[in-house]
C-alpha cells in the first residue's frame, strides 16, 4: 500500500464521519472538533450531499452547543433516557472507562466519533420517543468522561447504570426501582 492510499482512506473516513454527524444534525463546530475538517469543507459536504437531497429533513443548527447538565437529570424520564444512552456509550467505547481531565480536547477523534454515532443510533432504536439530541449526546459523553459534574453510577437496588449529578442529593435509584418502592409501575 502506498502512503497516498493510506491518506485517502483517512480522508474518506473523516468525510464519512462528518456526513454521519451532519445527518444527526450536529453543529459545524462539533463536526470540526470531532473530525478535524475545516468549516468550509463541512459546509461543502452539507451542500453537496445533504442539501441537494430533496427528501432530506436535516436541519443545520446554529449557536452554542448544549452545556447544562440539568437537562439530563431534571425529570425521572430524562434520567432514564440518559442512563440508556450512557449505557450504550460505555458499551460501544464512546465514553472511556476512566475519567479524562481535559475531555473536551482529548476525547474527540475518529474512532470515538464513530462509536458515538453508533451509540446514538442504538439509543434512538431503543427509546420509542427519544428526547436527547445528538448535540446533547456529545455533551453527555464529554461530561461523563470528565466526571466533574455528571457521573455514571449503579442503582442501589438493581445495580443498573444511572446518571446522577455528582453534587446532588437526588435519588440513587433507577426509575423502575423508584416506582417499585412506591408501589407504582414505571412511566412510559
N, C-alpha and C. Protein backbone atom coordinates (compact mmCIF):
# COMPACT_ATOMS: atom_id res chain seq x y z
N UNK A 1 0.85 -1.18 0.00
CA UNK A 1 0.00 0.00 0.00
C UNK A 1 0.89 1.24 0.00
N UNK A 2 0.55 2.17 -0.83
CA UNK A 2 1.31 3.42 -0.90
C UNK A 2 0.82 4.37 0.18
N UNK A 3 1.66 5.35 0.50
CA UNK A 3 1.33 6.34 1.52
C UNK A 3 0.09 7.12 1.11
N UNK A 4 -0.05 7.44 -0.16
CA UNK A 4 -1.21 8.22 -0.62
C UNK A 4 -2.51 7.45 -0.44
N UNK A 5 -2.46 6.11 -0.58
CA UNK A 5 -3.66 5.30 -0.38
C UNK A 5 -4.13 5.39 1.07
N UNK A 6 -3.16 5.36 1.98
CA UNK A 6 -3.48 5.46 3.41
C UNK A 6 -4.10 6.82 3.72
N UNK A 7 -3.55 7.89 3.15
CA UNK A 7 -4.09 9.23 3.37
C UNK A 7 -5.50 9.35 2.79
N UNK A 8 -5.71 8.76 1.62
CA UNK A 8 -7.04 8.77 1.02
C UNK A 8 -8.05 8.09 1.93
N UNK A 9 -7.66 6.96 2.49
CA UNK A 9 -8.56 6.23 3.39
C UNK A 9 -8.91 7.05 4.62
N UNK A 10 -7.91 7.73 5.20
CA UNK A 10 -8.18 8.58 6.37
C UNK A 10 -9.10 9.73 6.01
N UNK A 11 -8.86 10.36 4.85
CA UNK A 11 -9.72 11.47 4.42
C UNK A 11 -11.14 10.98 4.17
N UNK A 12 -11.27 9.84 3.56
CA UNK A 12 -12.59 9.28 3.28
C UNK A 12 -13.32 8.97 4.59
N UNK A 13 -12.58 8.46 5.56
CA UNK A 13 -13.16 8.14 6.87
C UNK A 13 -13.64 9.43 7.54
N UNK A 14 -12.88 10.51 7.43
CA UNK A 14 -13.29 11.80 8.00
C UNK A 14 -14.57 12.31 7.35
N UNK A 15 -14.63 12.21 6.02
CA UNK A 15 -15.82 12.67 5.31
C UNK A 15 -17.04 11.84 5.69
N UNK A 16 -16.86 10.53 5.79
CA UNK A 16 -17.98 9.66 6.16
C UNK A 16 -18.49 9.98 7.56
N UNK A 17 -17.56 10.20 8.49
CA UNK A 17 -17.96 10.55 9.86
C UNK A 17 -18.65 11.91 9.88
N UNK A 18 -18.12 12.86 9.13
CA UNK A 18 -18.74 14.19 9.06
C UNK A 18 -20.16 14.10 8.52
N UNK A 19 -20.38 13.27 7.52
CA UNK A 19 -21.73 13.10 6.98
C UNK A 19 -22.66 12.46 8.00
N UNK A 20 -22.16 11.52 8.78
CA UNK A 20 -22.99 10.95 9.85
C UNK A 20 -23.35 12.01 10.87
N UNK A 21 -22.39 12.84 11.26
CA UNK A 21 -22.66 13.93 12.19
C UNK A 21 -23.69 14.89 11.60
N UNK A 22 -23.55 15.21 10.32
CA UNK A 22 -24.50 16.12 9.65
C UNK A 22 -25.90 15.52 9.68
N UNK A 23 -26.02 14.24 9.38
CA UNK A 23 -27.34 13.60 9.39
C UNK A 23 -27.94 13.55 10.79
N UNK A 24 -27.09 13.60 11.81
CA UNK A 24 -27.59 13.65 13.20
C UNK A 24 -27.80 15.10 13.65
N UNK A 25 -27.64 16.04 12.73
CA UNK A 25 -27.88 17.48 12.96
C UNK A 25 -26.91 18.10 13.95
N UNK A 26 -25.66 17.69 13.88
CA UNK A 26 -24.62 18.28 14.72
C UNK A 26 -24.26 19.66 14.18
N UNK A 27 -23.82 20.52 15.06
CA UNK A 27 -23.38 21.84 14.67
C UNK A 27 -22.01 21.75 14.00
N UNK A 28 -21.71 22.76 13.19
CA UNK A 28 -20.45 22.78 12.44
C UNK A 28 -19.25 22.68 13.37
N UNK A 29 -19.27 23.39 14.48
CA UNK A 29 -18.14 23.35 15.42
C UNK A 29 -17.94 21.94 15.97
N UNK A 30 -19.01 21.26 16.30
CA UNK A 30 -18.92 19.89 16.81
C UNK A 30 -18.29 18.98 15.76
N UNK A 31 -18.72 19.10 14.53
CA UNK A 31 -18.18 18.28 13.44
C UNK A 31 -16.69 18.57 13.26
N UNK A 32 -16.33 19.85 13.31
CA UNK A 32 -14.92 20.24 13.15
C UNK A 32 -14.05 19.64 14.24
N UNK A 33 -14.52 19.72 15.49
CA UNK A 33 -13.75 19.21 16.62
C UNK A 33 -13.55 17.70 16.53
N UNK A 34 -14.58 16.97 16.13
CA UNK A 34 -14.51 15.51 16.13
C UNK A 34 -13.86 14.93 14.88
N UNK A 35 -13.89 15.66 13.75
CA UNK A 35 -13.33 15.11 12.50
C UNK A 35 -12.04 15.78 12.06
N UNK A 36 -11.81 17.00 12.49
CA UNK A 36 -10.64 17.73 12.05
C UNK A 36 -10.82 18.43 10.72
N UNK A 37 -12.01 18.37 10.14
CA UNK A 37 -12.27 19.06 8.88
C UNK A 37 -12.49 20.54 9.12
N UNK A 38 -12.26 21.34 8.11
CA UNK A 38 -12.47 22.79 8.23
C UNK A 38 -13.95 23.11 8.12
N UNK A 39 -14.33 24.29 8.61
CA UNK A 39 -15.72 24.73 8.50
C UNK A 39 -16.17 24.78 7.04
N UNK A 40 -15.28 25.25 6.18
CA UNK A 40 -15.61 25.36 4.76
C UNK A 40 -15.88 23.98 4.16
N UNK A 41 -15.04 23.02 4.47
CA UNK A 41 -15.21 21.66 3.94
C UNK A 41 -16.51 21.05 4.45
N UNK A 42 -16.86 21.31 5.70
CA UNK A 42 -18.11 20.78 6.28
C UNK A 42 -19.32 21.38 5.57
N UNK A 43 -19.29 22.69 5.32
CA UNK A 43 -20.39 23.34 4.60
C UNK A 43 -20.52 22.80 3.18
N UNK A 44 -19.39 22.56 2.53
CA UNK A 44 -19.42 22.00 1.17
C UNK A 44 -19.98 20.58 1.18
N UNK A 45 -19.61 19.79 2.17
CA UNK A 45 -20.18 18.44 2.29
C UNK A 45 -21.69 18.51 2.45
N UNK A 46 -22.13 19.40 3.30
CA UNK A 46 -23.57 19.55 3.52
C UNK A 46 -24.28 19.93 2.22
N UNK A 47 -23.74 20.94 1.54
CA UNK A 47 -24.37 21.38 0.28
C UNK A 47 -24.34 20.29 -0.78
N UNK A 48 -23.24 19.56 -0.88
CA UNK A 48 -23.09 18.57 -1.94
C UNK A 48 -23.89 17.30 -1.70
N UNK A 49 -23.95 16.85 -0.46
CA UNK A 49 -24.53 15.53 -0.19
C UNK A 49 -25.84 15.54 0.57
N UNK A 50 -26.17 16.65 1.22
CA UNK A 50 -27.37 16.67 2.04
C UNK A 50 -28.39 17.68 1.53
N UNK A 51 -27.97 18.91 1.30
CA UNK A 51 -28.90 19.96 0.90
C UNK A 51 -29.55 19.67 -0.45
N UNK A 52 -28.83 19.01 -1.37
CA UNK A 52 -29.37 18.71 -2.69
C UNK A 52 -30.35 17.55 -2.67
N UNK A 53 -30.32 16.76 -1.59
CA UNK A 53 -31.22 15.62 -1.45
C UNK A 53 -32.62 16.15 -1.13
N UNK A 54 -33.54 16.02 -2.06
CA UNK A 54 -34.88 16.62 -1.89
C UNK A 54 -35.67 16.00 -0.75
N UNK A 55 -35.44 14.74 -0.42
CA UNK A 55 -36.18 14.09 0.66
C UNK A 55 -35.54 14.30 2.02
N UNK A 56 -34.45 15.05 2.08
CA UNK A 56 -33.71 15.23 3.33
C UNK A 56 -34.42 16.20 4.26
N UNK A 57 -34.46 15.85 5.53
CA UNK A 57 -35.07 16.69 6.56
C UNK A 57 -34.01 17.16 7.56
N UNK A 58 -32.76 17.24 7.15
CA UNK A 58 -31.67 17.59 8.05
C UNK A 58 -31.66 19.10 8.28
N UNK A 59 -31.67 19.47 9.56
CA UNK A 59 -31.64 20.88 9.95
C UNK A 59 -30.24 21.23 10.40
N UNK A 60 -29.77 22.40 10.00
CA UNK A 60 -28.46 22.88 10.45
C UNK A 60 -28.70 23.82 11.61
N UNK A 61 -28.24 23.42 12.79
CA UNK A 61 -28.42 24.22 13.99
C UNK A 61 -27.28 25.23 14.12
N UNK A 62 -27.62 26.37 14.67
CA UNK A 62 -26.61 27.41 14.89
C UNK A 62 -26.51 27.70 16.38
N UNK A 63 -25.49 28.43 16.74
CA UNK A 63 -25.34 28.84 18.12
C UNK A 63 -24.52 27.85 18.91
N UNK A 64 -24.52 28.08 20.22
CA UNK A 64 -23.72 27.25 21.13
C UNK A 64 -24.33 25.87 21.30
N UNK A 65 -23.46 24.92 21.54
CA UNK A 65 -23.90 23.56 21.85
C UNK A 65 -24.43 23.53 23.28
N UNK A 66 -25.25 22.53 23.62
CA UNK A 66 -25.79 22.42 24.99
C UNK A 66 -24.67 22.34 26.03
N UNK A 67 -24.92 22.95 27.19
CA UNK A 67 -23.92 22.98 28.25
C UNK A 67 -24.53 22.85 29.64
N UNK A 68 -25.79 22.50 29.76
CA UNK A 68 -26.46 22.40 31.05
C UNK A 68 -26.65 20.94 31.45
N UNK A 69 -26.03 20.52 32.54
CA UNK A 69 -26.17 19.13 32.98
C UNK A 69 -27.57 18.85 33.51
N UNK A 70 -28.27 19.88 33.92
CA UNK A 70 -29.62 19.69 34.47
C UNK A 70 -30.57 19.08 33.45
N UNK A 71 -30.26 19.23 32.15
CA UNK A 71 -31.08 18.64 31.09
C UNK A 71 -31.22 17.13 31.29
N UNK A 72 -30.17 16.47 31.72
CA UNK A 72 -30.15 15.01 31.81
C UNK A 72 -30.78 14.46 33.08
N UNK A 73 -30.97 15.30 34.08
CA UNK A 73 -31.45 14.79 35.37
C UNK A 73 -32.68 15.52 35.88
N UNK A 74 -33.28 16.36 35.07
CA UNK A 74 -34.39 17.19 35.56
C UNK A 74 -35.68 16.44 35.83
N UNK A 75 -35.92 15.36 35.09
CA UNK A 75 -37.13 14.55 35.33
C UNK A 75 -36.73 13.07 35.40
N UNK A 76 -37.57 12.27 36.00
CA UNK A 76 -37.26 10.83 36.04
C UNK A 76 -37.12 10.22 34.63
N UNK A 77 -37.95 10.66 33.70
CA UNK A 77 -37.88 10.13 32.34
C UNK A 77 -36.55 10.51 31.66
N UNK A 78 -36.09 11.76 31.90
CA UNK A 78 -34.81 12.17 31.30
C UNK A 78 -33.66 11.42 31.96
N UNK A 79 -33.75 11.16 33.26
CA UNK A 79 -32.70 10.36 33.92
C UNK A 79 -32.66 8.96 33.32
N UNK A 80 -33.84 8.41 33.03
CA UNK A 80 -33.91 7.08 32.44
C UNK A 80 -33.31 7.07 31.02
N UNK A 81 -33.68 8.04 30.21
CA UNK A 81 -33.13 8.13 28.86
C UNK A 81 -31.63 8.37 28.88
N UNK A 82 -31.18 9.22 29.79
CA UNK A 82 -29.75 9.48 29.92
C UNK A 82 -29.00 8.21 30.30
N UNK A 83 -29.61 7.41 31.15
CA UNK A 83 -28.99 6.15 31.56
C UNK A 83 -28.89 5.17 30.39
N UNK A 84 -29.93 5.12 29.58
CA UNK A 84 -29.90 4.24 28.40
C UNK A 84 -28.79 4.68 27.45
N UNK A 85 -28.74 5.97 27.16
CA UNK A 85 -27.71 6.49 26.26
C UNK A 85 -26.31 6.28 26.84
N UNK A 86 -26.15 6.57 28.12
CA UNK A 86 -24.84 6.39 28.76
C UNK A 86 -24.42 4.92 28.73
N UNK A 87 -25.34 4.02 28.98
CA UNK A 87 -25.02 2.59 28.95
C UNK A 87 -24.51 2.17 27.59
N UNK A 88 -25.20 2.59 26.54
CA UNK A 88 -24.79 2.23 25.19
C UNK A 88 -23.44 2.88 24.86
N UNK A 89 -23.25 4.11 25.30
CA UNK A 89 -21.97 4.80 25.05
C UNK A 89 -20.81 4.08 25.73
N UNK A 90 -21.01 3.62 26.95
CA UNK A 90 -19.96 2.86 27.64
C UNK A 90 -19.71 1.53 26.93
N UNK A 91 -20.77 0.85 26.54
CA UNK A 91 -20.62 -0.45 25.89
C UNK A 91 -19.88 -0.36 24.56
N UNK A 92 -20.13 0.71 23.80
CA UNK A 92 -19.51 0.84 22.48
C UNK A 92 -18.20 1.62 22.49
N UNK A 93 -17.79 2.08 23.66
CA UNK A 93 -16.50 2.76 23.76
C UNK A 93 -16.51 4.25 23.47
N UNK A 94 -17.68 4.85 23.42
CA UNK A 94 -17.74 6.30 23.21
C UNK A 94 -17.30 7.06 24.46
N UNK A 95 -17.50 6.46 25.63
CA UNK A 95 -17.05 7.04 26.89
C UNK A 95 -15.93 6.13 27.42
N UNK A 96 -14.79 6.70 27.76
CA UNK A 96 -13.70 5.87 28.29
C UNK A 96 -14.04 5.34 29.68
N UNK A 97 -13.40 4.26 30.05
CA UNK A 97 -13.66 3.62 31.35
C UNK A 97 -13.14 4.46 32.51
N UNK A 98 -12.12 5.27 32.27
CA UNK A 98 -11.56 6.12 33.33
C UNK A 98 -11.82 7.58 32.99
N UNK A 99 -11.77 8.42 34.02
CA UNK A 99 -12.02 9.85 33.81
C UNK A 99 -10.90 10.49 33.01
N UNK A 100 -11.29 11.50 32.24
CA UNK A 100 -10.35 12.25 31.42
C UNK A 100 -10.47 13.71 31.83
N UNK A 101 -9.41 14.27 32.39
CA UNK A 101 -9.46 15.63 32.93
C UNK A 101 -9.83 16.66 31.87
N UNK A 102 -9.19 16.61 30.73
CA UNK A 102 -9.44 17.58 29.66
C UNK A 102 -10.21 16.88 28.53
N UNK A 103 -11.39 16.40 28.85
CA UNK A 103 -12.17 15.59 27.92
C UNK A 103 -12.55 16.33 26.65
N UNK A 104 -12.83 17.62 26.74
CA UNK A 104 -13.23 18.39 25.56
C UNK A 104 -12.13 18.39 24.50
N UNK A 105 -10.88 18.30 24.94
CA UNK A 105 -9.76 18.31 24.00
C UNK A 105 -9.29 16.91 23.66
N UNK A 106 -9.26 16.01 24.62
CA UNK A 106 -8.67 14.69 24.42
C UNK A 106 -9.65 13.62 23.92
N UNK A 107 -10.93 13.82 24.13
CA UNK A 107 -11.92 12.81 23.77
C UNK A 107 -12.21 12.74 22.27
N UNK A 108 -12.44 13.88 21.59
CA UNK A 108 -12.81 13.82 20.17
C UNK A 108 -11.74 13.15 19.31
N UNK A 109 -12.22 12.34 18.38
CA UNK A 109 -11.35 11.65 17.43
C UNK A 109 -12.21 10.77 16.54
N UNK A 110 -11.58 10.22 15.54
CA UNK A 110 -12.32 9.44 14.56
C UNK A 110 -12.95 8.17 15.17
N UNK A 111 -12.16 7.39 15.87
CA UNK A 111 -12.66 6.13 16.42
C UNK A 111 -13.77 6.36 17.43
N UNK A 112 -13.57 7.31 18.34
CA UNK A 112 -14.58 7.59 19.35
C UNK A 112 -15.80 8.26 18.71
N UNK A 113 -15.59 9.05 17.66
CA UNK A 113 -16.69 9.68 16.94
C UNK A 113 -17.60 8.65 16.28
N UNK A 114 -16.99 7.63 15.69
CA UNK A 114 -17.78 6.55 15.09
C UNK A 114 -18.54 5.78 16.17
N UNK A 115 -17.89 5.55 17.31
CA UNK A 115 -18.56 4.86 18.42
C UNK A 115 -19.72 5.70 18.94
N UNK A 116 -19.53 7.01 18.99
CA UNK A 116 -20.59 7.91 19.44
C UNK A 116 -21.79 7.86 18.49
N UNK A 117 -21.54 7.87 17.20
CA UNK A 117 -22.64 7.76 16.22
C UNK A 117 -23.36 6.42 16.37
N UNK A 118 -22.59 5.34 16.52
CA UNK A 118 -23.20 4.02 16.70
C UNK A 118 -24.06 4.00 17.96
N UNK A 119 -23.54 4.57 19.04
CA UNK A 119 -24.27 4.60 20.31
C UNK A 119 -25.55 5.43 20.19
N UNK A 120 -25.47 6.58 19.53
CA UNK A 120 -26.64 7.43 19.37
C UNK A 120 -27.71 6.73 18.53
N UNK A 121 -27.27 6.06 17.48
CA UNK A 121 -28.22 5.35 16.62
C UNK A 121 -28.87 4.19 17.38
N UNK A 122 -28.11 3.49 18.21
CA UNK A 122 -28.67 2.41 19.03
C UNK A 122 -29.66 2.98 20.04
N UNK A 123 -29.30 4.08 20.67
CA UNK A 123 -30.20 4.75 21.63
C UNK A 123 -31.53 5.10 20.97
N UNK A 124 -31.48 5.63 19.76
CA UNK A 124 -32.71 6.02 19.05
C UNK A 124 -33.57 4.80 18.70
N UNK A 125 -32.94 3.64 18.55
CA UNK A 125 -33.72 2.42 18.30
C UNK A 125 -34.31 1.86 19.59
N UNK A 126 -33.61 2.07 20.71
CA UNK A 126 -34.05 1.52 21.99
C UNK A 126 -35.15 2.33 22.66
N UNK A 127 -35.14 3.64 22.45
CA UNK A 127 -36.09 4.53 23.12
C UNK A 127 -37.17 4.93 22.11
N UNK A 128 -38.44 4.66 22.42
CA UNK A 128 -39.53 4.91 21.48
C UNK A 128 -39.64 6.36 21.00
N UNK A 129 -39.62 7.31 21.90
CA UNK A 129 -39.71 8.73 21.53
C UNK A 129 -38.53 9.46 22.17
N UNK A 130 -37.35 9.35 21.58
CA UNK A 130 -36.15 9.91 22.21
C UNK A 130 -36.20 11.43 22.31
N UNK A 131 -35.75 11.94 23.46
CA UNK A 131 -35.74 13.38 23.70
C UNK A 131 -34.34 13.97 23.65
N UNK A 132 -33.32 13.12 23.62
CA UNK A 132 -31.94 13.60 23.64
C UNK A 132 -31.44 13.75 22.22
N UNK A 133 -31.01 14.96 21.88
CA UNK A 133 -30.47 15.24 20.55
C UNK A 133 -29.02 14.76 20.46
N UNK A 134 -28.50 14.75 19.26
CA UNK A 134 -27.10 14.33 19.09
C UNK A 134 -26.15 15.29 19.81
N UNK A 135 -26.43 16.58 19.75
CA UNK A 135 -25.59 17.56 20.44
C UNK A 135 -25.60 17.31 21.95
N UNK A 136 -26.75 16.96 22.49
CA UNK A 136 -26.83 16.62 23.90
C UNK A 136 -26.04 15.33 24.19
N UNK A 137 -26.08 14.39 23.26
CA UNK A 137 -25.33 13.15 23.42
C UNK A 137 -23.82 13.44 23.47
N UNK A 138 -23.35 14.34 22.62
CA UNK A 138 -21.93 14.74 22.64
C UNK A 138 -21.59 15.35 23.99
N UNK A 139 -22.47 16.21 24.49
CA UNK A 139 -22.24 16.84 25.79
C UNK A 139 -22.26 15.79 26.91
N UNK A 140 -23.18 14.85 26.85
CA UNK A 140 -23.26 13.81 27.87
C UNK A 140 -21.98 12.97 27.90
N UNK A 141 -21.49 12.58 26.75
CA UNK A 141 -20.26 11.79 26.66
C UNK A 141 -19.09 12.57 27.26
N UNK A 142 -18.99 13.84 26.92
CA UNK A 142 -17.91 14.68 27.44
C UNK A 142 -18.03 14.86 28.95
N UNK A 143 -19.25 15.12 29.43
CA UNK A 143 -19.46 15.34 30.86
C UNK A 143 -19.18 14.06 31.66
N UNK A 144 -19.59 12.91 31.15
CA UNK A 144 -19.32 11.65 31.85
C UNK A 144 -17.82 11.33 31.85
N UNK A 145 -17.15 11.65 30.75
CA UNK A 145 -15.71 11.40 30.69
C UNK A 145 -14.95 12.29 31.68
N UNK A 146 -15.41 13.54 31.81
CA UNK A 146 -14.78 14.45 32.79
C UNK A 146 -15.09 14.00 34.20
N UNK A 147 -16.36 13.69 34.45
CA UNK A 147 -16.78 13.23 35.77
C UNK A 147 -16.83 14.30 36.84
N UNK A 148 -16.71 15.55 36.47
CA UNK A 148 -16.71 16.62 37.47
C UNK A 148 -18.12 17.09 37.84
N UNK A 149 -19.11 16.90 36.96
CA UNK A 149 -20.48 17.32 37.26
C UNK A 149 -21.45 16.14 37.20
N UNK A 150 -21.34 15.34 36.16
CA UNK A 150 -22.19 14.16 35.99
C UNK A 150 -21.37 12.90 36.20
N UNK A 151 -22.02 11.91 36.76
CA UNK A 151 -21.36 10.63 36.97
C UNK A 151 -22.30 9.51 36.56
N UNK A 152 -21.73 8.45 36.07
CA UNK A 152 -22.49 7.22 35.85
C UNK A 152 -22.19 6.35 37.06
N UNK A 153 -23.24 5.89 37.69
CA UNK A 153 -23.09 5.05 38.87
C UNK A 153 -24.13 3.94 38.81
N UNK A 154 -24.17 3.09 39.79
CA UNK A 154 -25.11 1.98 39.79
C UNK A 154 -26.29 2.25 40.71
N UNK A 155 -27.46 1.81 40.29
CA UNK A 155 -28.67 1.89 41.10
C UNK A 155 -28.43 1.08 42.37
N UNK A 156 -28.81 1.63 43.51
CA UNK A 156 -28.57 0.94 44.79
C UNK A 156 -29.40 -0.33 44.93
N UNK A 157 -30.49 -0.44 44.17
CA UNK A 157 -31.35 -1.62 44.29
C UNK A 157 -31.03 -2.70 43.25
N UNK A 158 -31.02 -2.33 41.97
CA UNK A 158 -30.89 -3.34 40.91
C UNK A 158 -29.51 -3.38 40.26
N UNK A 159 -28.64 -2.46 40.62
CA UNK A 159 -27.28 -2.37 40.08
C UNK A 159 -27.24 -2.01 38.60
N UNK A 160 -28.32 -1.40 38.08
CA UNK A 160 -28.33 -0.90 36.72
C UNK A 160 -27.62 0.45 36.66
N UNK A 161 -27.10 0.81 35.50
CA UNK A 161 -26.39 2.07 35.36
C UNK A 161 -27.37 3.25 35.40
N UNK A 162 -27.04 4.29 36.15
CA UNK A 162 -27.83 5.52 36.20
C UNK A 162 -26.88 6.70 36.07
N UNK A 163 -27.42 7.83 35.65
CA UNK A 163 -26.65 9.07 35.54
C UNK A 163 -27.11 10.00 36.64
N UNK A 164 -26.16 10.52 37.43
CA UNK A 164 -26.50 11.38 38.56
C UNK A 164 -25.63 12.64 38.56
N UNK A 165 -26.17 13.66 39.19
CA UNK A 165 -25.41 14.89 39.45
C UNK A 165 -24.42 14.55 40.55
N UNK A 166 -23.17 14.80 40.31
CA UNK A 166 -22.13 14.43 41.27
C UNK A 166 -22.35 15.08 42.63
N UNK A 167 -22.86 16.31 42.63
CA UNK A 167 -23.03 17.04 43.88
C UNK A 167 -24.46 16.99 44.41
N UNK A 168 -25.37 16.42 43.64
CA UNK A 168 -26.76 16.38 44.03
C UNK A 168 -27.05 15.30 45.07
N UNK A 169 -28.10 15.54 45.79
CA UNK A 169 -28.54 14.57 46.79
C UNK A 169 -29.76 13.83 46.30
N UNK A 170 -29.95 13.86 44.98
CA UNK A 170 -31.12 13.22 44.39
C UNK A 170 -31.09 11.72 44.54
N UNK A 171 -32.12 11.06 44.03
CA UNK A 171 -32.23 9.61 44.18
C UNK A 171 -31.08 8.89 43.47
N UNK A 172 -30.64 7.82 44.08
CA UNK A 172 -29.58 6.98 43.52
C UNK A 172 -30.17 5.66 43.05
N UNK A 173 -31.43 5.74 42.60
CA UNK A 173 -32.11 4.57 42.09
C UNK A 173 -32.59 4.86 40.68
N UNK A 174 -32.74 3.79 39.90
CA UNK A 174 -33.29 3.94 38.56
C UNK A 174 -34.80 4.17 38.67
N UNK A 175 -35.40 4.55 37.58
CA UNK A 175 -36.84 4.86 37.57
C UNK A 175 -37.67 3.64 37.97
N UNK A 176 -37.31 2.47 37.48
CA UNK A 176 -38.07 1.25 37.80
C UNK A 176 -38.03 0.96 39.30
N UNK A 177 -36.86 1.03 39.90
CA UNK A 177 -36.74 0.74 41.33
C UNK A 177 -37.43 1.81 42.17
N UNK A 178 -37.36 3.03 41.72
CA UNK A 178 -38.03 4.13 42.43
C UNK A 178 -39.53 3.89 42.47
N UNK A 179 -40.09 3.50 41.33
CA UNK A 179 -41.53 3.26 41.27
C UNK A 179 -41.93 1.99 42.01
N UNK A 180 -41.10 0.98 41.98
CA UNK A 180 -41.45 -0.25 42.70
C UNK A 180 -41.43 -0.03 44.21
N UNK A 181 -40.57 0.86 44.68
CA UNK A 181 -40.55 1.20 46.11
C UNK A 181 -41.83 1.94 46.51
N UNK A 182 -42.38 2.69 45.55
CA UNK A 182 -43.59 3.45 45.85
C UNK A 182 -44.85 2.65 45.51
N UNK A 183 -44.67 1.43 44.99
CA UNK A 183 -45.80 0.58 44.67
C UNK A 183 -46.50 0.94 43.38
N UNK A 184 -45.78 1.65 42.49
CA UNK A 184 -46.38 2.03 41.19
C UNK A 184 -45.57 1.40 40.07
N UNK A 185 -46.17 1.38 38.90
CA UNK A 185 -45.48 0.92 37.70
C UNK A 185 -44.69 2.08 37.11
N UNK A 186 -43.53 1.82 36.48
CA UNK A 186 -42.75 2.89 35.86
C UNK A 186 -43.55 3.57 34.74
N UNK A 187 -43.26 4.85 34.54
CA UNK A 187 -43.90 5.61 33.48
C UNK A 187 -43.30 5.24 32.14
N UNK A 188 -44.08 5.34 31.10
CA UNK A 188 -43.57 5.06 29.74
C UNK A 188 -43.00 6.30 29.14
